[in-house]
C-alpha atoms as a PDB file:
ATOM      1  CA  UNK A   1      92.473 103.711  73.734  1.00  0.00           C
ATOM      2  CA  UNK A   2      94.612 102.593  76.680  1.00  0.00           C
ATOM      3  CA  UNK A   3      98.115 101.301  76.227  1.00  0.00           C
ATOM      4  CA  UNK A   4      98.755  97.626  77.004  1.00  0.00           C
ATOM      5  CA  UNK A   5     101.272  97.030  79.820  1.00  0.00           C
ATOM      6  CA  UNK A   6     104.710  95.842  78.751  1.00  0.00           C
ATOM      7  CA  UNK A   7     105.252  92.153  79.578  1.00  0.00           C
ATOM      8  CA  UNK A   8     107.579  91.494  82.475  1.00  0.00           C
ATOM      9  CA  UNK A   9     110.942  90.261  81.199  1.00  0.00           C
ATOM     10  CA  UNK A  10     114.084  88.729  82.651  1.00  0.00           C
ATOM     11  CA  UNK A  11     116.292  91.543  83.884  1.00  0.00           C
ATOM     12  CA  UNK A  12     113.426  93.833  84.943  1.00  0.00           C
ATOM     13  CA  UNK A  13     114.222  95.440  88.299  1.00  0.00           C
ATOM     14  CA  UNK A  14     112.427  97.336  91.006  1.00  0.00           C
ATOM     15  CA  UNK A  15     113.812  99.337  93.944  1.00  0.00           C
ATOM     16  CA  UNK A  16     112.436 100.834  97.098  1.00  0.00           C
ATOM     17  CA  UNK A  17     113.455 102.034 100.505  1.00  0.00           C
ATOM     18  CA  UNK A  18     112.063 101.924 104.017  1.00  0.00           C
ATOM     19  CA  UNK A  19     112.906 103.524 107.271  1.00  0.00           C
ATOM     20  CA  UNK A  20     114.233 104.463 109.551  1.00  0.00           C
ATOM     21  CA  UNK A  21     113.090 101.477 111.594  1.00  0.00           C
ATOM     22  CA  UNK A  22     111.881 102.596 115.017  1.00  0.00           C
ATOM     23  CA  UNK A  23     111.448 100.865 118.354  1.00  0.00           C
ATOM     24  CA  UNK A  24     107.755 101.731 118.187  1.00  0.00           C
ATOM     25  CA  UNK A  25     107.486  99.706 114.955  1.00  0.00           C
ATOM     26  CA  UNK A  26     109.023  96.695 116.703  1.00  0.00           C
ATOM     27  CA  UNK A  27     106.619  96.967 119.648  1.00  0.00           C
ATOM     28  CA  UNK A  28     103.644  97.315 117.290  1.00  0.00           C
ATOM     29  CA  UNK A  29     104.803  94.296 115.302  1.00  0.00           C
ATOM     30  CA  UNK A  30     105.162  92.296 118.527  1.00  0.00           C
ATOM     31  CA  UNK A  31     101.561  93.118 119.412  1.00  0.00           C
ATOM     32  CA  UNK A  32     100.249  92.324 115.944  1.00  0.00           C
ATOM     33  CA  UNK A  33     102.183  89.068 115.560  1.00  0.00           C
ATOM     34  CA  UNK A  34     102.186  87.814 119.136  1.00  0.00           C
ATOM     35  CA  UNK A  35     106.015  87.648 119.075  1.00  0.00           C
ATOM     36  CA  UNK A  36     106.767  89.043 122.526  1.00  0.00           C
ATOM     37  CA  UNK A  37     110.390  87.942 122.725  1.00  0.00           C
ATOM     38  CA  UNK A  38     111.957  90.694 124.865  1.00  0.00           C
ATOM     39  CA  UNK A  39     114.970  90.821 122.504  1.00  0.00           C
ATOM     40  CA  UNK A  40     112.806  93.025 120.302  1.00  0.00           C
ATOM     41  CA  UNK A  41     111.635  95.632 122.816  1.00  0.00           C
ATOM     42  CA  UNK A  42     113.680  95.426 126.055  1.00  0.00           C
ATOM     43  CA  UNK A  43     117.167  96.960 125.766  1.00  0.00           C
ATOM     44  CA  UNK A  44     118.337  95.594 129.104  1.00  0.00           C
ATOM     45  CA  UNK A  45     117.324  92.063 128.143  1.00  0.00           C
ATOM     46  CA  UNK A  46     118.931  92.356 124.680  1.00  0.00           C
ATOM     47  CA  UNK A  47     122.176  93.675 126.215  1.00  0.00           C
ATOM     48  CA  UNK A  48     122.245  90.847 128.773  1.00  0.00           C
ATOM     49  CA  UNK A  49     122.179  88.439 125.813  1.00  0.00           C
ATOM     50  CA  UNK A  50     125.196  90.169 124.224  1.00  0.00           C
ATOM     51  CA  UNK A  51     123.499  92.510 121.747  1.00  0.00           C
ATOM     52  CA  UNK A  52     124.015  96.270 121.517  1.00  0.00           C
ATOM     53  CA  UNK A  53     120.274  96.932 121.671  1.00  0.00           C
ATOM     54  CA  UNK A  54     116.928  95.520 120.647  1.00  0.00           C
ATOM     55  CA  UNK A  55     116.594  94.426 117.021  1.00  0.00           C
ATOM     56  CA  UNK A  56     113.789  93.783 114.556  1.00  0.00           C
ATOM     57  CA  UNK A  57     111.929  90.500 114.388  1.00  0.00           C
ATOM     58  CA  UNK A  58     112.992  88.534 111.328  1.00  0.00           C
ATOM     59  CA  UNK A  59     109.401  88.229 110.193  1.00  0.00           C
ATOM     60  CA  UNK A  60     109.001  92.018 110.467  1.00  0.00           C
ATOM     61  CA  UNK A  61     111.764  92.419 107.893  1.00  0.00           C
ATOM     62  CA  UNK A  62     110.419  89.548 105.770  1.00  0.00           C
ATOM     63  CA  UNK A  63     107.031  91.264 105.828  1.00  0.00           C
ATOM     64  CA  UNK A  64     108.564  94.491 104.541  1.00  0.00           C
ATOM     65  CA  UNK A  65     110.200  92.565 101.700  1.00  0.00           C
ATOM     66  CA  UNK A  66     106.988  90.717 100.820  1.00  0.00           C
ATOM     67  CA  UNK A  67     105.005  93.979 100.836  1.00  0.00           C
ATOM     68  CA  UNK A  68     107.590  95.549  98.531  1.00  0.00           C
ATOM     69  CA  UNK A  69     107.316  92.596  96.123  1.00  0.00           C
ATOM     70  CA  UNK A  70     103.522  92.487  96.106  1.00  0.00           C
ATOM     71  CA  UNK A  71     103.280  96.259  95.620  1.00  0.00           C
ATOM     72  CA  UNK A  72     105.424  95.731  92.512  1.00  0.00           C
ATOM     73  CA  UNK A  73     103.874  92.582  91.052  1.00  0.00           C
ATOM     74  CA  UNK A  74     100.491  92.252  92.736  1.00  0.00           C
ATOM     75  CA  UNK A  75      99.367  90.503  95.891  1.00  0.00           C
ATOM     76  CA  UNK A  76      96.895  88.313  94.001  1.00  0.00           C
ATOM     77  CA  UNK A  77      99.686  87.139  91.683  1.00  0.00           C
ATOM     78  CA  UNK A  78     102.109  85.681  94.234  1.00  0.00           C
ATOM     79  CA  UNK A  79     102.520  81.910  93.896  1.00  0.00           C
ATOM     80  CA  UNK A  80     105.703  81.272  95.927  1.00  0.00           C
ATOM     81  CA  UNK A  81     107.628  83.316  98.446  1.00  0.00           C
ATOM     82  CA  UNK A  82     110.584  82.371 100.619  1.00  0.00           C
ATOM     83  CA  UNK A  83     113.241  84.202 102.614  1.00  0.00           C
ATOM     84  CA  UNK A  84     116.535  83.591 104.330  1.00  0.00           C
ATOM     85  CA  UNK A  85     117.619  85.801 107.211  1.00  0.00           C
ATOM     86  CA  UNK A  86     121.201  87.036 107.104  1.00  0.00           C
ATOM     87  CA  UNK A  87     121.725  89.794 109.699  1.00  0.00           C
ATOM     88  CA  UNK A  88     119.808  91.826 112.263  1.00  0.00           C
ATOM     89  CA  UNK A  89     118.018  95.075 111.563  1.00  0.00           C
ATOM     90  CA  UNK A  90     118.486  97.676 114.297  1.00  0.00           C
ATOM     91  CA  UNK A  91     116.459 100.717 115.341  1.00  0.00           C
ATOM     92  CA  UNK A  92     117.523 103.606 113.139  1.00  0.00           C
ATOM     93  CA  UNK A  93     118.373 101.402 110.148  1.00  0.00           C
ATOM     94  CA  UNK A  94     117.232 102.458 106.719  1.00  0.00           C
ATOM     95  CA  UNK A  95     116.537  99.607 104.347  1.00  0.00           C
ATOM     96  CA  UNK A  96     117.094  99.337 100.600  1.00  0.00           C
ATOM     97  CA  UNK A  97     114.739  96.874  98.906  1.00  0.00           C
ATOM     98  CA  UNK A  98     115.508  95.385  95.499  1.00  0.00           C
ATOM     99  CA  UNK A  99     113.861  92.931  93.171  1.00  0.00           C
ATOM    100  CA  UNK A 100     114.979  91.458  89.867  1.00  0.00           C
ATOM    101  CA  UNK A 101     113.218  89.088  87.499  1.00  0.00           C
ATOM    102  CA  UNK A 102     115.735  86.271  87.003  1.00  0.00           C
ATOM    103  CA  UNK A 103     113.632  83.811  85.041  1.00  0.00           C
ATOM    104  CA  UNK A 104     110.292  82.877  83.593  1.00  0.00           C
ATOM    105  CA  UNK A 105     108.450  79.592  84.185  1.00  0.00           C
ATOM    106  CA  UNK A 106     105.321  78.077  82.751  1.00  0.00           C
ATOM    107  CA  UNK A 107     102.545  76.968  85.069  1.00  0.00           C
ATOM    108  CA  UNK A 108      99.014  75.649  84.649  1.00  0.00           C
ATOM    109  CA  UNK A 109      97.804  79.194  85.334  1.00  0.00           C
ATOM    110  CA  UNK A 110     100.159  80.881  82.860  1.00  0.00           C
ATOM    111  CA  UNK A 111     103.642  82.365  82.894  1.00  0.00           C
ATOM    112  CA  UNK A 112     105.383  83.003  86.210  1.00  0.00           C
ATOM    113  CA  UNK A 113     108.057  85.620  86.779  1.00  0.00           C
ATOM    114  CA  UNK A 114     110.755  84.245  89.096  1.00  0.00           C
ATOM    115  CA  UNK A 115     112.129  87.066  91.225  1.00  0.00           C
ATOM    116  CA  UNK A 116     115.157  87.437  93.499  1.00  0.00           C
ATOM    117  CA  UNK A 117     114.623  89.864  96.359  1.00  0.00           C
ATOM    118  CA  UNK A 118     117.006  91.552  98.796  1.00  0.00           C
ATOM    119  CA  UNK A 119     116.631  93.777 101.817  1.00  0.00           C
ATOM    120  CA  UNK A 120     119.894  95.530 102.619  1.00  0.00           C
ATOM    121  CA  UNK A 121     120.751  97.799 105.507  1.00  0.00           C
ATOM    122  CA  UNK A 122     121.824 101.181 104.137  1.00  0.00           C
ATOM    123  CA  UNK A 123     124.396 101.115 106.946  1.00  0.00           C
ATOM    124  CA  UNK A 124     125.832  97.908 105.455  1.00  0.00           C
ATOM    125  CA  UNK A 125     124.911  94.260 105.273  1.00  0.00           C
ATOM    126  CA  UNK A 126     122.174  92.176 103.730  1.00  0.00           C
ATOM    127  CA  UNK A 127     119.350  91.591 106.213  1.00  0.00           C
ATOM    128  CA  UNK A 128     117.139  89.258 104.152  1.00  0.00           C
ATOM    129  CA  UNK A 129     117.406  87.463 100.823  1.00  0.00           C
ATOM    130  CA  UNK A 130     114.323  86.081  99.185  1.00  0.00           C
ATOM    131  CA  UNK A 131     112.836  84.554  96.109  1.00  0.00           C
ATOM    132  CA  UNK A 132     109.323  84.524  94.757  1.00  0.00           C
ATOM    133  CA  UNK A 133     107.228  83.610  91.753  1.00  0.00           C
ATOM    134  CA  UNK A 134     104.404  85.787  90.459  1.00  0.00           C
ATOM    135  CA  UNK A 135     101.781  85.078  87.845  1.00  0.00           C
ATOM    136  CA  UNK A 136     102.144  87.590  85.014  1.00  0.00           C
END
């Protein structure tokens, strides 16, 4: 007889990590997404705009955070997802991903776990904050 999974509760957390981020990842993301802004792959261009080097596309980082959340709670279960960008992610950065269930809501489909999500640079600074709701 298989054990039933424990219901998701307020306070449940999940952690992960990613990286280091590489320039090759940024170029691949540009090709996959169609975001060919040279800030993300051309050092000379990024420096001429006042940056130290190229940096990750915001949606690249948001995609990492969404993948982390759906690996935890299931891609088919996501009902809402939103992010807010806070700081750049640079080549070489390692990212710490965190999720916490902060509430439960009722929906027509059943209970939803409301989750706060963060993607922090191990080198310091929050890159992305997010929130989501997952059917449980």
